[in-house]
Amino acid sequence: MYIGGTGKAGYHHLLWEILDNSIDEVINGHANWVEVTLHADSKTVTIEDNGRGIPVGMVKKHKKPALEVILTTLHAGGKF
């Protein structure tokens, strides 16, 4: 997942990507709720859903765990 930086813009992009993934789970019928909590410190956010989560098995094509592929490969996504 590319977030474009480690400053405010990168943080906002990361939140956008996570929320977008949660919404995708609802749209595709794998979840039925998404909750976004903006914390009192005005710096942290929690995004939760009841979807499938991040795959944890091995990806045969890459011979690596899915989590590693998702977090380190551009455009990998989490649908294997």
PDB file of N, CA and C in Angstrom:
ATOM      1  N   MET A   1       0.849  -1.168   0.000  1.00  0.00           N
ATOM      2  CA  MET A   1       0.000   0.000   0.000  1.00  0.00           C
ATOM      3  C   MET A   1       0.895   1.232   0.000  1.00  0.00           C
ATOM      4  N   TYR A   2       0.716   2.100  -0.963  1.00  0.00           N
ATOM      5  CA  TYR A   2       1.493   3.329  -1.076  1.00  0.00           C
ATOM      6  C   TYR A   2       0.716   4.461  -0.423  1.00  0.00           C
ATOM      7  N   ILE A   3       1.372   5.180   0.499  1.00  0.00           N
ATOM      8  CA  ILE A   3       0.669   6.269   1.178  1.00  0.00           C
ATOM      9  C   ILE A   3       1.222   7.645   0.839  1.00  0.00           C
ATOM     10  N   GLY A   4       2.329   7.715   0.122  1.00  0.00           N
ATOM     11  CA  GLY A   4       2.814   9.001  -0.373  1.00  0.00           C
ATOM     12  C   GLY A   4       3.646   9.825   0.579  1.00  0.00           C
ATOM     13  N   GLY A   5       3.860   9.380   1.798  1.00  0.00           N
ATOM     14  CA  GLY A   5       4.686  10.141   2.725  1.00  0.00           C
ATOM     15  C   GLY A   5       4.386   9.770   4.159  1.00  0.00           C
ATOM     16  N   THR A   6       5.144  10.374   5.066  1.00  0.00           N
ATOM     17  CA  THR A   6       4.967  10.075   6.484  1.00  0.00           C
ATOM     18  C   THR A   6       4.414  11.264   7.262  1.00  0.00           C
ATOM     19  N   GLY A   7       4.041  12.314   6.567  1.00  0.00           N
ATOM     20  CA  GLY A   7       3.456  13.491   7.207  1.00  0.00           C
ATOM     21  C   GLY A   7       1.942  13.412   7.229  1.00  0.00           C
ATOM     22  N   LYS A   8       1.311  14.580   7.394  1.00  0.00           N
ATOM     23  CA  LYS A   8      -0.155  14.646   7.457  1.00  0.00           C
ATOM     24  C   LYS A   8      -0.824  14.047   6.223  1.00  0.00           C
ATOM     25  N   ALA A   9      -0.303  14.390   5.052  1.00  0.00           N
ATOM     26  CA  ALA A   9      -0.919  13.891   3.813  1.00  0.00           C
ATOM     27  C   ALA A   9      -0.841  12.368   3.741  1.00  0.00           C
ATOM     28  N   GLY A  10       0.297  11.801   4.133  1.00  0.00           N
ATOM     29  CA  GLY A  10       0.447  10.349   4.134  1.00  0.00           C
ATOM     30  C   GLY A  10      -0.490   9.682   5.126  1.00  0.00           C
ATOM     31  N   TYR A  11      -0.621  10.290   6.307  1.00  0.00           N
ATOM     32  CA  TYR A  11      -1.529   9.767   7.336  1.00  0.00           C
ATOM     33  C   TYR A  11      -2.968   9.787   6.831  1.00  0.00           C
ATOM     34  N   HIS A  12      -3.361  10.884   6.221  1.00  0.00           N
ATOM     35  CA  HIS A  12      -4.719  10.986   5.683  1.00  0.00           C
ATOM     36  C   HIS A  12      -4.947   9.972   4.565  1.00  0.00           C
ATOM     37  N   HIS A  13      -3.938   9.785   3.711  1.00  0.00           N
ATOM     38  CA  HIS A  13      -4.075   8.807   2.627  1.00  0.00           C
ATOM     39  C   HIS A  13      -4.203   7.395   3.205  1.00  0.00           C
ATOM     40  N   LEU A  14      -3.427   7.098   4.235  1.00  0.00           N
ATOM     41  CA  LEU A  14      -3.503   5.786   4.876  1.00  0.00           C
ATOM     42  C   LEU A  14      -4.899   5.551   5.453  1.00  0.00           C
ATOM     43  N   LEU A  15      -5.433   6.549   6.146  1.00  0.00           N
ATOM     44  CA  LEU A  15      -6.790   6.424   6.689  1.00  0.00           C
ATOM     45  C   LEU A  15      -7.814   6.213   5.577  1.00  0.00           C
ATOM     46  N   TRP A  16      -7.659   6.962   4.490  1.00  0.00           N
ATOM     47  CA  TRP A  16      -8.563   6.824   3.342  1.00  0.00           C
ATOM     48  C   TRP A  16      -8.525   5.392   2.803  1.00  0.00           C
ATOM     49  N   GLU A  17      -7.320   4.836   2.649  1.00  0.00           N
ATOM     50  CA  GLU A  17      -7.174   3.471   2.122  1.00  0.00           C
ATOM     51  C   GLU A  17      -7.830   2.448   3.045  1.00  0.00           C
ATOM     52  N   ILE A  18      -7.609   2.599   4.349  1.00  0.00           N
ATOM     53  CA  ILE A  18      -8.188   1.654   5.309  1.00  0.00           C
ATOM     54  C   ILE A  18      -9.709   1.745   5.297  1.00  0.00           C
ATOM     55  N   LEU A  19     -10.239   2.960   5.305  1.00  0.00           N
ATOM     56  CA  LEU A  19     -11.693   3.137   5.262  1.00  0.00           C
ATOM     57  C   LEU A  19     -12.266   2.594   3.955  1.00  0.00           C
ATOM     58  N   ASP A  20     -11.577   2.841   2.852  1.00  0.00           N
ATOM     59  CA  ASP A  20     -12.013   2.333   1.551  1.00  0.00           C
ATOM     60  C   ASP A  20     -12.080   0.804   1.566  1.00  0.00           C
ATOM     61  N   ASN A  21     -11.093   0.152   2.180  1.00  0.00           N
ATOM     62  CA  ASN A  21     -11.107  -1.308   2.283  1.00  0.00           C
ATOM     63  C   ASN A  21     -12.298  -1.786   3.107  1.00  0.00           C
ATOM     64  N   SER A  22     -12.596  -1.085   4.202  1.00  0.00           N
ATOM     65  CA  SER A  22     -13.752  -1.454   5.026  1.00  0.00           C
ATOM     66  C   SER A  22     -15.054  -1.315   4.244  1.00  0.00           C
ATOM     67  N   ILE A  23     -15.187  -0.228   3.508  1.00  0.00           N
ATOM     68  CA  ILE A  23     -16.391  -0.007   2.697  1.00  0.00           C
ATOM     69  C   ILE A  23     -16.507  -1.088   1.618  1.00  0.00           C
ATOM     70  N   ASP A  24     -15.389  -1.466   1.006  1.00  0.00           N
ATOM     71  CA  ASP A  24     -15.405  -2.550   0.015  1.00  0.00           C
ATOM     72  C   ASP A  24     -15.945  -3.842   0.623  1.00  0.00           C
ATOM     73  N   GLU A  25     -15.560  -4.144   1.858  1.00  0.00           N
ATOM     74  CA  GLU A  25     -16.048  -5.354   2.517  1.00  0.00           C
ATOM     75  C   GLU A  25     -17.571  -5.319   2.655  1.00  0.00           C
ATOM     76  N   VAL A  26     -18.123  -4.154   2.996  1.00  0.00           N
ATOM     77  CA  VAL A  26     -19.581  -4.017   3.120  1.00  0.00           C
ATOM     78  C   VAL A  26     -20.247  -4.150   1.754  1.00  0.00           C
ATOM     79  N   ILE A  27     -19.735  -3.429   0.768  1.00  0.00           N
ATOM     80  CA  ILE A  27     -20.323  -3.455  -0.577  1.00  0.00           C
ATOM     81  C   ILE A  27     -20.343  -4.867  -1.149  1.00  0.00           C
ATOM     82  N   ASN A  28     -19.289  -5.640  -0.862  1.00  0.00           N
ATOM     83  CA  ASN A  28     -19.182  -6.991  -1.412  1.00  0.00           C
ATOM     84  C   ASN A  28     -19.821  -8.058  -0.527  1.00  0.00           C
ATOM     85  N   GLY A  29     -20.526  -7.624   0.517  1.00  0.00           N
ATOM     86  CA  GLY A  29     -21.278  -8.565   1.340  1.00  0.00           C
ATOM     87  C   GLY A  29     -20.476  -9.336   2.368  1.00  0.00           C
ATOM     88  N   HIS A  30     -19.256  -8.908   2.658  1.00  0.00           N
ATOM     89  CA  HIS A  30     -18.416  -9.613   3.629  1.00  0.00           C
ATOM     90  C   HIS A  30     -18.429  -8.948   4.999  1.00  0.00           C
ATOM     91  N   ALA A  31     -19.129  -7.839   5.130  1.00  0.00           N
ATOM     92  CA  ALA A  31     -19.282  -7.127   6.405  1.00  0.00           C
ATOM     93  C   ALA A  31     -20.611  -6.386   6.358  1.00  0.00           C
ATOM     94  N   ASN A  32     -21.107  -6.016   7.538  1.00  0.00           N
ATOM     95  CA  ASN A  32     -22.346  -5.236   7.546  1.00  0.00           C
ATOM     96  C   ASN A  32     -22.252  -4.005   8.443  1.00  0.00           C
ATOM     97  N   TRP A  33     -21.058  -3.691   8.943  1.00  0.00           N
ATOM     98  CA  TRP A  33     -20.878  -2.436   9.669  1.00  0.00           C
ATOM     99  C   TRP A  33     -19.430  -1.962   9.602  1.00  0.00           C
ATOM    100  N   VAL A  34     -19.280  -0.657   9.656  1.00  0.00           N
ATOM    101  CA  VAL A  34     -17.973   0.007   9.735  1.00  0.00           C
ATOM    102  C   VAL A  34     -18.110   1.076  10.809  1.00  0.00           C
ATOM    103  N   GLU A  35     -17.132   1.143  11.695  1.00  0.00           N
ATOM    104  CA  GLU A  35     -17.145   2.155  12.752  1.00  0.00           C
ATOM    105  C   GLU A  35     -15.846   2.950  12.700  1.00  0.00           C
ATOM    106  N   VAL A  36     -15.974   4.269  12.658  1.00  0.00           N
ATOM    107  CA  VAL A  36     -14.815   5.162  12.658  1.00  0.00           C
ATOM    108  C   VAL A  36     -14.859   5.968  13.946  1.00  0.00           C
ATOM    109  N   THR A  37     -13.787   5.904  14.724  1.00  0.00           N
ATOM    110  CA  THR A  37     -13.692   6.647  15.976  1.00  0.00           C
ATOM    111  C   THR A  37     -12.583   7.680  15.858  1.00  0.00           C
ATOM    112  N   LEU A  38     -12.942   8.949  15.992  1.00  0.00           N
ATOM    113  CA  LEU A  38     -11.964  10.032  16.033  1.00  0.00           C
ATOM    114  C   LEU A  38     -11.678  10.280  17.510  1.00  0.00           C
ATOM    115  N   HIS A  39     -10.462  10.017  17.954  1.00  0.00           N
ATOM    116  CA  HIS A  39     -10.128  10.082  19.371  1.00  0.00           C
ATOM    117  C   HIS A  39      -9.932  11.520  19.853  1.00  0.00           C
ATOM    118  N   ALA A  40     -10.087  11.708  21.154  1.00  0.00           N
ATOM    119  CA  ALA A  40     -10.057  13.037  21.778  1.00  0.00           C
ATOM    120  C   ALA A  40      -8.725  13.762  21.598  1.00  0.00           C
ATOM    121  N   ASP A  41      -7.640  13.011  21.370  1.00  0.00           N
ATOM    122  CA  ASP A  41      -6.334  13.663  21.201  1.00  0.00           C
ATOM    123  C   ASP A  41      -6.196  14.359  19.848  1.00  0.00           C
ATOM    124  N   SER A  42      -7.187  14.193  18.984  1.00  0.00           N
ATOM    125  CA  SER A  42      -7.200  14.788  17.637  1.00  0.00           C
ATOM    126  C   SER A  42      -6.041  14.320  16.762  1.00  0.00           C
ATOM    127  N   LYS A  43      -5.399  13.216  17.146  1.00  0.00           N
ATOM    128  CA  LYS A  43      -4.273  12.695  16.372  1.00  0.00           C
ATOM    129  C   LYS A  43      -4.466  11.247  15.940  1.00  0.00           C
ATOM    130  N   THR A  44      -5.364  10.548  16.603  1.00  0.00           N
ATOM    131  CA  THR A  44      -5.520   9.132  16.306  1.00  0.00           C
ATOM    132  C   THR A  44      -6.957   8.804  15.914  1.00  0.00           C
ATOM    133  N   VAL A  45      -7.066   7.768  15.084  1.00  0.00           N
ATOM    134  CA  VAL A  45      -8.348   7.311  14.560  1.00  0.00           C
ATOM    135  C   VAL A  45      -8.357   5.788  14.629  1.00  0.00           C
ATOM    136  N   THR A  46      -9.502   5.220  14.942  1.00  0.00           N
ATOM    137  CA  THR A  46      -9.679   3.775  14.880  1.00  0.00           C
ATOM    138  C   THR A  46     -10.759   3.486  13.845  1.00  0.00           C
ATOM    139  N   ILE A  47     -10.444   2.570  12.917  1.00  0.00           N
ATOM    140  CA  ILE A  47     -11.419   2.133  11.916  1.00  0.00           C
ATOM    141  C   ILE A  47     -11.610   0.635  12.112  1.00  0.00           C
ATOM    142  N   GLU A  48     -12.856   0.230  12.365  1.00  0.00           N
ATOM    143  CA  GLU A  48     -13.169  -1.178  12.587  1.00  0.00           C
ATOM    144  C   GLU A  48     -14.296  -1.613  11.661  1.00  0.00           C
ATOM    145  N   ASP A  49     -14.265  -2.891  11.286  1.00  0.00           N
ATOM    146  CA  ASP A  49     -15.384  -3.487  10.565  1.00  0.00           C
ATOM    147  C   ASP A  49     -15.460  -4.952  10.964  1.00  0.00           C
ATOM    148  N   ASN A  50     -16.492  -5.629  10.533  1.00  0.00           N
ATOM    149  CA  ASN A  50     -16.618  -7.053  10.830  1.00  0.00           C
ATOM    150  C   ASN A  50     -16.407  -7.882   9.567  1.00  0.00           C
ATOM    151  N   GLY A  51     -15.499  -7.423   8.717  1.00  0.00           N
ATOM    152  CA  GLY A  51     -15.179  -8.117   7.470  1.00  0.00           C
ATOM    153  C   GLY A  51     -14.192  -9.248   7.664  1.00  0.00           C
ATOM    154  N   ARG A  52     -13.610  -9.674   6.576  1.00  0.00           N
ATOM    155  CA  ARG A  52     -12.740 -10.851   6.569  1.00  0.00           C
ATOM    156  C   ARG A  52     -11.363 -10.623   7.160  1.00  0.00           C
ATOM    157  N   GLY A  53     -10.908  -9.392   7.228  1.00  0.00           N
ATOM    158  CA  GLY A  53      -9.574  -9.130   7.753  1.00  0.00           C
ATOM    159  C   GLY A  53      -8.495  -9.357   6.706  1.00  0.00           C
ATOM    160  N   ILE A  54      -7.259  -9.280   7.144  1.00  0.00           N
ATOM    161  CA  ILE A  54      -6.114  -9.455   6.248  1.00  0.00           C
ATOM    162  C   ILE A  54      -5.808 -10.944   6.138  1.00  0.00           C
ATOM    163  N   PRO A  55      -5.664 -11.467   4.922  1.00  0.00           N
ATOM    164  CA  PRO A  55      -5.305 -12.878   4.766  1.00  0.00           C
ATOM    165  C   PRO A  55      -3.963 -13.168   5.442  1.00  0.00           C
ATOM    166  N   VAL A  56      -3.833 -14.356   6.016  1.00  0.00           N
ATOM    167  CA  VAL A  56      -2.594 -14.686   6.718  1.00  0.00           C
ATOM    168  C   VAL A  56      -1.869 -15.900   6.135  1.00  0.00           C
ATOM    169  N   GLY A  57      -2.478 -16.574   5.177  1.00  0.00           N
ATOM    170  CA  GLY A  57      -1.847 -17.757   4.597  1.00  0.00           C
ATOM    171  C   GLY A  57      -0.718 -17.397   3.641  1.00  0.00           C
ATOM    172  N   MET A  58      -0.110 -18.422   3.073  1.00  0.00           N
ATOM    173  CA  MET A  58       0.969 -18.233   2.107  1.00  0.00           C
ATOM    174  C   MET A  58       0.391 -17.915   0.729  1.00  0.00           C
ATOM    175  N   VAL A  59       1.101 -17.072  -0.029  1.00  0.00           N
ATOM    176  CA  VAL A  59       0.748 -16.767  -1.414  1.00  0.00           C
ATOM    177  C   VAL A  59       1.690 -17.597  -2.274  1.00  0.00           C
ATOM    178  N   LYS A  60       1.155 -18.614  -2.925  1.00  0.00           N
ATOM    179  CA  LYS A  60       1.986 -19.548  -3.690  1.00  0.00           C
ATOM    180  C   LYS A  60       2.824 -18.844  -4.746  1.00  0.00           C
ATOM    181  N   LYS A  61       2.214 -17.883  -5.442  1.00  0.00           N
ATOM    182  CA  LYS A  61       2.911 -17.167  -6.516  1.00  0.00           C
ATOM    183  C   LYS A  61       4.186 -16.489  -6.014  1.00  0.00           C
ATOM    184  N   HIS A  62       4.141 -15.920  -4.806  1.00  0.00           N
ATOM    185  CA  HIS A  62       5.282 -15.178  -4.255  1.00  0.00           C
ATOM    186  C   HIS A  62       6.093 -15.999  -3.254  1.00  0.00           C
ATOM    187  N   LYS A  63       5.552 -17.131  -2.828  1.00  0.00           N
ATOM    188  CA  LYS A  63       6.191 -17.979  -1.817  1.00  0.00           C
ATOM    189  C   LYS A  63       6.494 -17.188  -0.543  1.00  0.00           C
ATOM    190  N   LYS A  64       5.526 -16.346  -0.166  1.00  0.00           N
ATOM    191  CA  LYS A  64       5.646 -15.512   1.029  1.00  0.00           C
ATOM    192  C   LYS A  64       4.286 -15.456   1.718  1.00  0.00           C
ATOM    193  N   PRO A  65       4.278 -15.099   3.020  1.00  0.00           N
ATOM    194  CA  PRO A  65       2.990 -14.909   3.700  1.00  0.00           C
ATOM    195  C   PRO A  65       2.210 -13.753   3.073  1.00  0.00           C
ATOM    196  N   ALA A  66       0.890 -13.888   3.019  1.00  0.00           N
ATOM    197  CA  ALA A  66       0.042 -12.861   2.405  1.00  0.00           C
ATOM    198  C   ALA A  66       0.261 -11.490   3.036  1.00  0.00           C
ATOM    199  N   LEU A  67       0.387 -11.436   4.356  1.00  0.00           N
ATOM    200  CA  LEU A  67       0.578 -10.151   5.027  1.00  0.00           C
ATOM    201  C   LEU A  67       1.830  -9.445   4.516  1.00  0.00           C
ATOM    202  N   GLU A  68       2.909 -10.187   4.332  1.00  0.00           N
ATOM    203  CA  GLU A  68       4.146  -9.594   3.813  1.00  0.00           C
ATOM    204  C   GLU A  68       3.946  -9.057   2.399  1.00  0.00           C
ATOM    205  N   VAL A  69       3.287  -9.818   1.554  1.00  0.00           N
ATOM    206  CA  VAL A  69       3.041  -9.383   0.175  1.00  0.00           C
ATOM    207  C   VAL A  69       2.170  -8.126   0.161  1.00  0.00           C
ATOM    208  N   ILE A  70       1.105  -8.121   0.950  1.00  0.00           N
ATOM    209  CA  ILE A  70       0.184  -6.978   0.986  1.00  0.00           C
ATOM    210  C   ILE A  70       0.895  -5.706   1.419  1.00  0.00           C
ATOM    211  N   LEU A  71       1.747  -5.809   2.432  1.00  0.00           N
ATOM    212  CA  LEU A  71       2.372  -4.617   3.005  1.00  0.00           C
ATOM    213  C   LEU A  71       3.646  -4.176   2.292  1.00  0.00           C
ATOM    214  N   THR A  72       4.200  -5.019   1.418  1.00  0.00           N
ATOM    215  CA  THR A  72       5.480  -4.656   0.791  1.00  0.00           C
ATOM    216  C   THR A  72       5.472  -4.640  -0.731  1.00  0.00           C
ATOM    217  N   THR A  73       4.359  -4.997  -1.371  1.00  0.00           N
ATOM    218  CA  THR A  73       4.304  -5.066  -2.828  1.00  0.00           C
ATOM    219  C   THR A  73       3.270  -4.079  -3.356  1.00  0.00           C
ATOM    220  N   LEU A  74       3.703  -3.172  -4.224  1.00  0.00           N
ATOM    221  CA  LEU A  74       2.777  -2.200  -4.796  1.00  0.00           C
ATOM    222  C   LEU A  74       1.647  -2.900  -5.547  1.00  0.00           C
ATOM    223  N   HIS A  75       0.441  -2.425  -5.364  1.00  0.00           N
ATOM    224  CA  HIS A  75      -0.761  -2.899  -6.056  1.00  0.00           C
ATOM    225  C   HIS A  75      -1.111  -4.356  -5.753  1.00  0.00           C
ATOM    226  N   ALA A  76      -0.565  -4.916  -4.666  1.00  0.00           N
ATOM    227  CA  ALA A  76      -0.836  -6.321  -4.348  1.00  0.00           C
ATOM    228  C   ALA A  76      -2.271  -6.525  -3.878  1.00  0.00           C
ATOM    229  N   GLY A  77      -2.804  -5.579  -3.114  1.00  0.00           N
ATOM    230  CA  GLY A  77      -4.136  -5.769  -2.552  1.00  0.00           C
ATOM    231  C   GLY A  77      -4.144  -6.915  -1.564  1.00  0.00           C
ATOM    232  N   GLY A  78      -5.310  -7.380  -1.204  1.00  0.00           N
ATOM    233  CA  GLY A  78      -5.410  -8.470  -0.243  1.00  0.00           C
ATOM    234  C   GLY A  78      -6.321  -9.572  -0.709  1.00  0.00           C
ATOM    235  N   LYS A  79      -6.557  -9.654  -1.995  1.00  0.00           N
ATOM    236  CA  LYS A  79      -7.487 -10.644  -2.530  1.00  0.00           C
ATOM    237  C   LYS A  79      -6.686 -11.720  -3.268  1.00  0.00           C
ATOM    238  N   PHE A  80      -6.464 -12.842  -2.585  1.00  0.00           N
ATOM    239  CA  PHE A  80      -5.686 -13.916  -3.204  1.00  0.00           C
ATOM    240  C   PHE A  80      -6.546 -15.135  -3.410  1.00  0.00           C
TER     241      PHE A  80
END
